[in-house]
């Protein structure tokens, strides 16, 4: 409601007695019906928080999950180990970047990193490009199926959170995730 009414959550509580137009009520009802159908609210607001950063998201990308923040933490630990070994700058390649959450979270923690991020999906790369621009980032984006279009180069760390759900086996996802999130980002094969 706050998003559709262009108000803060605090404004909604404070101004709770203000009337809402019929047109806005129709928008709220349509959004509520989508949410009841399982559509993640982030796809309606086009915003998702990850690692303290607000990301633009849409149906072209898997929504960043809190569990993936652990991957960022582990990568930061690996970066620190490389620094202790005298390696600087650290060159990182992220495969399957989606909205760019992992790469941009790493860059937020350490602006001296050289990060290249790839994705097979043109739509996902468009979303990532919006987030790179929004965060004044230096992350380089490449359309690539795994390493296919990555030029020979030196990377100190390879980071990836690729699709790992089976189409036939180990398919333990909720109906709303399967219905609304991109299958290319979910399913890794049979």
C-alpha atoms as a PDB file:
ATOM      1  CA  UNK A   1       0.000   0.000   0.000  1.00  0.00           C
ATOM      2  CA  UNK A   2       2.803   2.414   0.862  1.00  0.00           C
ATOM      3  CA  UNK A   3       4.371   1.844  -2.548  1.00  0.00           C
ATOM      4  CA  UNK A   4       1.109   2.308  -4.467  1.00  0.00           C
ATOM      5  CA  UNK A   5       0.100   5.384  -2.472  1.00  0.00           C
ATOM      6  CA  UNK A   6       3.648   6.831  -2.712  1.00  0.00           C
ATOM      7  CA  UNK A   7       3.834   7.214   1.059  1.00  0.00           C
ATOM      8  CA  UNK A   8       6.102   5.906   3.759  1.00  0.00           C
ATOM      9  CA  UNK A   9       4.836   3.216   6.099  1.00  0.00           C
ATOM     10  CA  UNK A  10       4.838   5.797   8.866  1.00  0.00           C
ATOM     11  CA  UNK A  11       2.658   8.084   6.719  1.00  0.00           C
ATOM     12  CA  UNK A  12       0.142   5.256   6.307  1.00  0.00           C
ATOM     13  CA  UNK A  13      -0.234   4.884  10.057  1.00  0.00           C
ATOM     14  CA  UNK A  14      -0.207   8.629  10.756  1.00  0.00           C
ATOM     15  CA  UNK A  15      -2.635   9.455   7.934  1.00  0.00           C
ATOM     16  CA  UNK A  16      -4.800   6.373   8.308  1.00  0.00           C
ATOM     17  CA  UNK A  17      -8.022   8.351   8.175  1.00  0.00           C
ATOM     18  CA  UNK A  18      -7.362   9.871   4.738  1.00  0.00           C
ATOM     19  CA  UNK A  19      -9.606   8.670   1.955  1.00  0.00           C
ATOM     20  CA  UNK A  20      -8.143   6.703  -0.938  1.00  0.00           C
ATOM     21  CA  UNK A  21      -9.472   7.323  -4.438  1.00  0.00           C
ATOM     22  CA  UNK A  22     -11.453   4.645  -6.234  1.00  0.00           C
ATOM     23  CA  UNK A  23      -8.664   4.344  -8.810  1.00  0.00           C
ATOM     24  CA  UNK A  24      -6.040   3.769  -6.110  1.00  0.00           C
ATOM     25  CA  UNK A  25      -8.295   1.245  -4.376  1.00  0.00           C
ATOM     26  CA  UNK A  26      -8.550  -0.665  -7.666  1.00  0.00           C
ATOM     27  CA  UNK A  27      -4.722  -0.672  -7.930  1.00  0.00           C
ATOM     28  CA  UNK A  28      -4.401  -1.888  -4.331  1.00  0.00           C
ATOM     29  CA  UNK A  29      -6.983  -4.629  -4.926  1.00  0.00           C
ATOM     30  CA  UNK A  30      -5.226  -5.768  -8.133  1.00  0.00           C
ATOM     31  CA  UNK A  31      -1.870  -5.882  -6.330  1.00  0.00           C
ATOM     32  CA  UNK A  32      -3.421  -7.758  -3.406  1.00  0.00           C
ATOM     33  CA  UNK A  33      -4.908 -10.357  -5.770  1.00  0.00           C
ATOM     34  CA  UNK A  34      -1.459 -10.897  -7.322  1.00  0.00           C
ATOM     35  CA  UNK A  35       0.074 -11.308  -3.879  1.00  0.00           C
ATOM     36  CA  UNK A  36      -2.663 -13.794  -2.918  1.00  0.00           C
ATOM     37  CA  UNK A  37      -1.790 -15.699  -6.109  1.00  0.00           C
ATOM     38  CA  UNK A  38       1.807 -15.947  -4.888  1.00  0.00           C
ATOM     39  CA  UNK A  39       3.468 -13.061  -6.721  1.00  0.00           C
ATOM     40  CA  UNK A  40       6.339 -11.787  -4.580  1.00  0.00           C
ATOM     41  CA  UNK A  41       5.687  -8.178  -3.528  1.00  0.00           C
ATOM     42  CA  UNK A  42       9.204  -7.281  -4.710  1.00  0.00           C
ATOM     43  CA  UNK A  43       8.081  -7.899  -8.297  1.00  0.00           C
ATOM     44  CA  UNK A  44       5.296  -5.354  -7.784  1.00  0.00           C
ATOM     45  CA  UNK A  45       7.476  -2.711  -6.119  1.00  0.00           C
ATOM     46  CA  UNK A  46      10.566  -3.550  -8.208  1.00  0.00           C
ATOM     47  CA  UNK A  47      12.692  -3.312  -5.086  1.00  0.00           C
ATOM     48  CA  UNK A  48      14.533  -5.864  -2.955  1.00  0.00           C
ATOM     49  CA  UNK A  49      17.052  -5.280  -0.183  1.00  0.00           C
ATOM     50  CA  UNK A  50      20.201  -7.402  -0.096  1.00  0.00           C
ATOM     51  CA  UNK A  51      23.266  -6.864   2.074  1.00  0.00           C
ATOM     52  CA  UNK A  52      22.030  -3.394   3.018  1.00  0.00           C
ATOM     53  CA  UNK A  53      21.597  -2.308  -0.612  1.00  0.00           C
ATOM     54  CA  UNK A  54      18.317  -1.612  -2.386  1.00  0.00           C
ATOM     55  CA  UNK A  55      18.167  -3.417  -5.742  1.00  0.00           C
ATOM     56  CA  UNK A  56      15.856  -2.970  -8.700  1.00  0.00           C
ATOM     57  CA  UNK A  57      14.271  -6.345  -9.507  1.00  0.00           C
ATOM     58  CA  UNK A  58      11.735  -7.634 -11.986  1.00  0.00           C
ATOM     59  CA  UNK A  59      10.549 -10.962 -13.369  1.00  0.00           C
ATOM     60  CA  UNK A  60      13.833 -11.379 -15.319  1.00  0.00           C
ATOM     61  CA  UNK A  61      15.795 -12.161 -12.157  1.00  0.00           C
ATOM     62  CA  UNK A  62      15.640 -14.464  -9.202  1.00  0.00           C
ATOM     63  CA  UNK A  63      14.963 -12.465  -6.065  1.00  0.00           C
ATOM     64  CA  UNK A  64      18.110 -12.231  -3.912  1.00  0.00           C
ATOM     65  CA  UNK A  65      17.732 -14.405  -0.820  1.00  0.00           C
ATOM     66  CA  UNK A  66      19.086 -13.673   2.666  1.00  0.00           C
ATOM     67  CA  UNK A  67      20.958 -17.014   2.571  1.00  0.00           C
ATOM     68  CA  UNK A  68      23.010 -15.730  -0.356  1.00  0.00           C
ATOM     69  CA  UNK A  69      24.467 -13.070   1.936  1.00  0.00           C
ATOM     70  CA  UNK A  70      26.520 -15.934   3.405  1.00  0.00           C
ATOM     71  CA  UNK A  71      28.150 -16.387   0.000  1.00  0.00           C
ATOM     72  CA  UNK A  72      29.132 -12.707   0.093  1.00  0.00           C
ATOM     73  CA  UNK A  73      30.594 -13.173   3.587  1.00  0.00           C
ATOM     74  CA  UNK A  74      32.606 -16.241   2.516  1.00  0.00           C
ATOM     75  CA  UNK A  75      33.886 -14.387  -0.542  1.00  0.00           C
ATOM     76  CA  UNK A  76      34.941 -11.428   1.604  1.00  0.00           C
ATOM     77  CA  UNK A  77      36.883 -13.840   3.826  1.00  0.00           C
ATOM     78  CA  UNK A  78      38.624 -15.259   0.750  1.00  0.00           C
ATOM     79  CA  UNK A  79      39.452 -11.716  -0.408  1.00  0.00           C
ATOM     80  CA  UNK A  80      41.020 -10.943   2.972  1.00  0.00           C
ATOM     81  CA  UNK A  81      43.125 -14.106   2.715  1.00  0.00           C
ATOM     82  CA  UNK A  82      44.383 -12.985  -0.688  1.00  0.00           C
ATOM     83  CA  UNK A  83      45.211  -9.545   0.705  1.00  0.00           C
ATOM     84  CA  UNK A  84      47.226 -11.191   3.481  1.00  0.00           C
ATOM     85  CA  UNK A  85      49.112 -13.120   0.779  1.00  0.00           C
ATOM     86  CA  UNK A  86      49.980  -9.806  -0.903  1.00  0.00           C
ATOM     87  CA  UNK A  87      47.568 -10.097  -3.825  1.00  0.00           C
ATOM     88  CA  UNK A  88      46.072  -6.752  -4.734  1.00  0.00           C
ATOM     89  CA  UNK A  89      43.910  -5.860  -6.535  1.00  0.00           C
ATOM     90  CA  UNK A  90      41.743  -8.949  -6.339  1.00  0.00           C
ATOM     91  CA  UNK A  91      40.043  -9.856  -9.635  1.00  0.00           C
ATOM     92  CA  UNK A  92      36.647 -11.519  -9.248  1.00  0.00           C
ATOM     93  CA  UNK A  93      34.449 -13.257 -11.797  1.00  0.00           C
ATOM     94  CA  UNK A  94      30.813 -13.826 -10.891  1.00  0.00           C
ATOM     95  CA  UNK A  95      28.930 -16.281 -13.084  1.00  0.00           C
ATOM     96  CA  UNK A  96      25.139 -15.986 -13.161  1.00  0.00           C
ATOM     97  CA  UNK A  97      24.875 -12.512 -11.658  1.00  0.00           C
ATOM     98  CA  UNK A  98      21.114 -12.030 -12.010  1.00  0.00           C
ATOM     99  CA  UNK A  99      20.362  -8.564 -10.625  1.00  0.00           C
ATOM    100  CA  UNK A 100      24.014  -8.083  -9.658  1.00  0.00           C
ATOM    101  CA  UNK A 101      23.437  -8.450  -5.916  1.00  0.00           C
ATOM    102  CA  UNK A 102      26.553 -10.470  -5.085  1.00  0.00           C
ATOM    103  CA  UNK A 103      28.963  -8.389  -7.163  1.00  0.00           C
ATOM    104  CA  UNK A 104      27.558  -5.079  -5.959  1.00  0.00           C
ATOM    105  CA  UNK A 105      27.562  -6.201  -2.312  1.00  0.00           C
ATOM    106  CA  UNK A 106      31.227  -7.205  -2.661  1.00  0.00           C
ATOM    107  CA  UNK A 107      32.062  -3.879  -4.279  1.00  0.00           C
ATOM    108  CA  UNK A 108      30.215  -1.994  -1.534  1.00  0.00           C
ATOM    109  CA  UNK A 109      32.466  -3.647   1.055  1.00  0.00           C
ATOM    110  CA  UNK A 110      35.661  -3.154  -0.965  1.00  0.00           C
ATOM    111  CA  UNK A 111      35.737  -0.579  -3.755  1.00  0.00           C
ATOM    112  CA  UNK A 112      39.219  -1.688  -4.828  1.00  0.00           C
ATOM    113  CA  UNK A 113      38.004  -4.964  -6.298  1.00  0.00           C
ATOM    114  CA  UNK A 114      37.999  -5.598 -10.051  1.00  0.00           C
ATOM    115  CA  UNK A 115      34.711  -7.416 -10.695  1.00  0.00           C
ATOM    116  CA  UNK A 116      33.372  -8.937 -13.898  1.00  0.00           C
ATOM    117  CA  UNK A 117      29.860 -10.405 -13.784  1.00  0.00           C
ATOM    118  CA  UNK A 118      28.198 -12.602 -16.390  1.00  0.00           C
ATOM    119  CA  UNK A 119      24.746 -13.952 -17.078  1.00  0.00           C
ATOM    120  CA  UNK A 120      23.192 -15.984 -19.877  1.00  0.00           C
ATOM    121  CA  UNK A 121      19.962 -13.959 -19.716  1.00  0.00           C
ATOM    122  CA  UNK A 122      19.767 -10.676 -21.608  1.00  0.00           C
ATOM    123  CA  UNK A 123      16.867  -9.607 -19.362  1.00  0.00           C
ATOM    124  CA  UNK A 124      18.884 -10.302 -16.221  1.00  0.00           C
ATOM    125  CA  UNK A 125      21.800  -8.292 -17.595  1.00  0.00           C
ATOM    126  CA  UNK A 126      19.459  -5.356 -18.251  1.00  0.00           C
ATOM    127  CA  UNK A 127      18.363  -5.498 -14.607  1.00  0.00           C
ATOM    128  CA  UNK A 128      21.989  -5.792 -13.454  1.00  0.00           C
ATOM    129  CA  UNK A 129      22.927  -2.798 -15.622  1.00  0.00           C
ATOM    130  CA  UNK A 130      20.235  -0.718 -13.881  1.00  0.00           C
ATOM    131  CA  UNK A 131      21.676  -1.707 -10.501  1.00  0.00           C
ATOM    132  CA  UNK A 132      25.253  -1.025 -11.610  1.00  0.00           C
ATOM    133  CA  UNK A 133      24.187   2.449 -12.754  1.00  0.00           C
ATOM    134  CA  UNK A 134      22.063   3.067  -9.644  1.00  0.00           C
ATOM    135  CA  UNK A 135      25.021   2.247  -7.388  1.00  0.00           C
ATOM    136  CA  UNK A 136      27.654   4.102  -9.464  1.00  0.00           C
ATOM    137  CA  UNK A 137      29.441   0.803  -9.782  1.00  0.00           C
ATOM    138  CA  UNK A 138      32.457  -0.243 -11.840  1.00  0.00           C
ATOM    139  CA  UNK A 139      31.275  -3.858 -12.211  1.00  0.00           C
ATOM    140  CA  UNK A 140      31.758  -5.003 -15.804  1.00  0.00           C
ATOM    141  CA  UNK A 141      28.836  -6.999 -17.261  1.00  0.00           C
ATOM    142  CA  UNK A 142      29.170  -9.660 -19.982  1.00  0.00           C
ATOM    143  CA  UNK A 143      26.497 -11.816 -21.652  1.00  0.00           C
ATOM    144  CA  UNK A 144      27.863 -15.326 -21.391  1.00  0.00           C
ATOM    145  CA  UNK A 145      26.754 -18.908 -20.891  1.00  0.00           C
ATOM    146  CA  UNK A 146      29.066 -19.831 -18.020  1.00  0.00           C
ATOM    147  CA  UNK A 147      32.597 -19.017 -19.313  1.00  0.00           C
ATOM    148  CA  UNK A 148      31.745 -18.995 -23.030  1.00  0.00           C
ATOM    149  CA  UNK A 149      32.303 -15.261 -23.672  1.00  0.00           C
ATOM    150  CA  UNK A 150      34.777 -14.547 -20.900  1.00  0.00           C
ATOM    151  CA  UNK A 151      38.046 -13.524 -22.481  1.00  0.00           C
ATOM    152  CA  UNK A 152      41.194 -15.146 -21.197  1.00  0.00           C
ATOM    153  CA  UNK A 153      42.091 -13.251 -18.107  1.00  0.00           C
ATOM    154  CA  UNK A 154      43.303 -13.690 -14.613  1.00  0.00           C
ATOM    155  CA  UNK A 155      40.695 -14.079 -11.902  1.00  0.00           C
ATOM    156  CA  UNK A 156      41.604 -14.677  -8.286  1.00  0.00           C
ATOM    157  CA  UNK A 157      38.094 -15.651  -7.210  1.00  0.00           C
ATOM    158  CA  UNK A 158      35.220 -17.252  -9.079  1.00  0.00           C
ATOM    159  CA  UNK A 159      31.861 -16.795  -7.358  1.00  0.00           C
ATOM    160  CA  UNK A 160      28.587 -18.305  -8.529  1.00  0.00           C
ATOM    161  CA  UNK A 161      25.143 -19.059  -7.201  1.00  0.00           C
ATOM    162  CA  UNK A 162      23.951 -20.989 -10.220  1.00  0.00           C
ATOM    163  CA  UNK A 163      20.655 -22.855 -10.671  1.00  0.00           C
ATOM    164  CA  UNK A 164      20.745 -26.085  -8.683  1.00  0.00           C
ATOM    165  CA  UNK A 165      17.142 -27.273  -8.531  1.00  0.00           C
ATOM    166  CA  UNK A 166      16.423 -30.412 -10.525  1.00  0.00           C
ATOM    167  CA  UNK A 167      13.591 -30.577 -13.044  1.00  0.00           C
ATOM    168  CA  UNK A 168      12.900 -34.220 -12.263  1.00  0.00           C
ATOM    169  CA  UNK A 169      14.645 -34.813  -8.922  1.00  0.00           C
ATOM    170  CA  UNK A 170      15.047 -32.594  -5.874  1.00  0.00           C
ATOM    171  CA  UNK A 171      12.381 -30.224  -7.117  1.00  0.00           C
ATOM    172  CA  UNK A 172      11.404 -28.869  -3.710  1.00  0.00           C
ATOM    173  CA  UNK A 173      10.219 -25.367  -4.502  1.00  0.00           C
ATOM    174  CA  UNK A 174       6.969 -23.665  -3.736  1.00  0.00           C
ATOM    175  CA  UNK A 175       4.390 -23.161  -6.428  1.00  0.00           C
ATOM    176  CA  UNK A 176       4.699 -19.372  -6.300  1.00  0.00           C
ATOM    177  CA  UNK A 177       8.490 -19.490  -6.810  1.00  0.00           C
ATOM    178  CA  UNK A 178       8.090 -21.794  -9.810  1.00  0.00           C
ATOM    179  CA  UNK A 179       5.260 -19.669 -11.198  1.00  0.00           C
ATOM    180  CA  UNK A 180       6.817 -16.229 -10.829  1.00  0.00           C
ATOM    181  CA  UNK A 181      10.612 -16.508 -10.754  1.00  0.00           C
ATOM    182  CA  UNK A 182      12.604 -17.188 -13.941  1.00  0.00           C
ATOM    183  CA  UNK A 183      13.125 -20.899 -14.552  1.00  0.00           C
ATOM    184  CA  UNK A 184      16.558 -20.250 -16.118  1.00  0.00           C
ATOM    185  CA  UNK A 185      17.669 -19.000 -12.690  1.00  0.00           C
ATOM    186  CA  UNK A 186      16.085 -21.901 -10.788  1.00  0.00           C
ATOM    187  CA  UNK A 187      16.485 -25.175 -12.657  1.00  0.00           C
ATOM    188  CA  UNK A 188      19.897 -26.693 -13.328  1.00  0.00           C
ATOM    189  CA  UNK A 189      18.643 -29.633 -15.404  1.00  0.00           C
ATOM    190  CA  UNK A 190      17.119 -33.055 -14.789  1.00  0.00           C
END
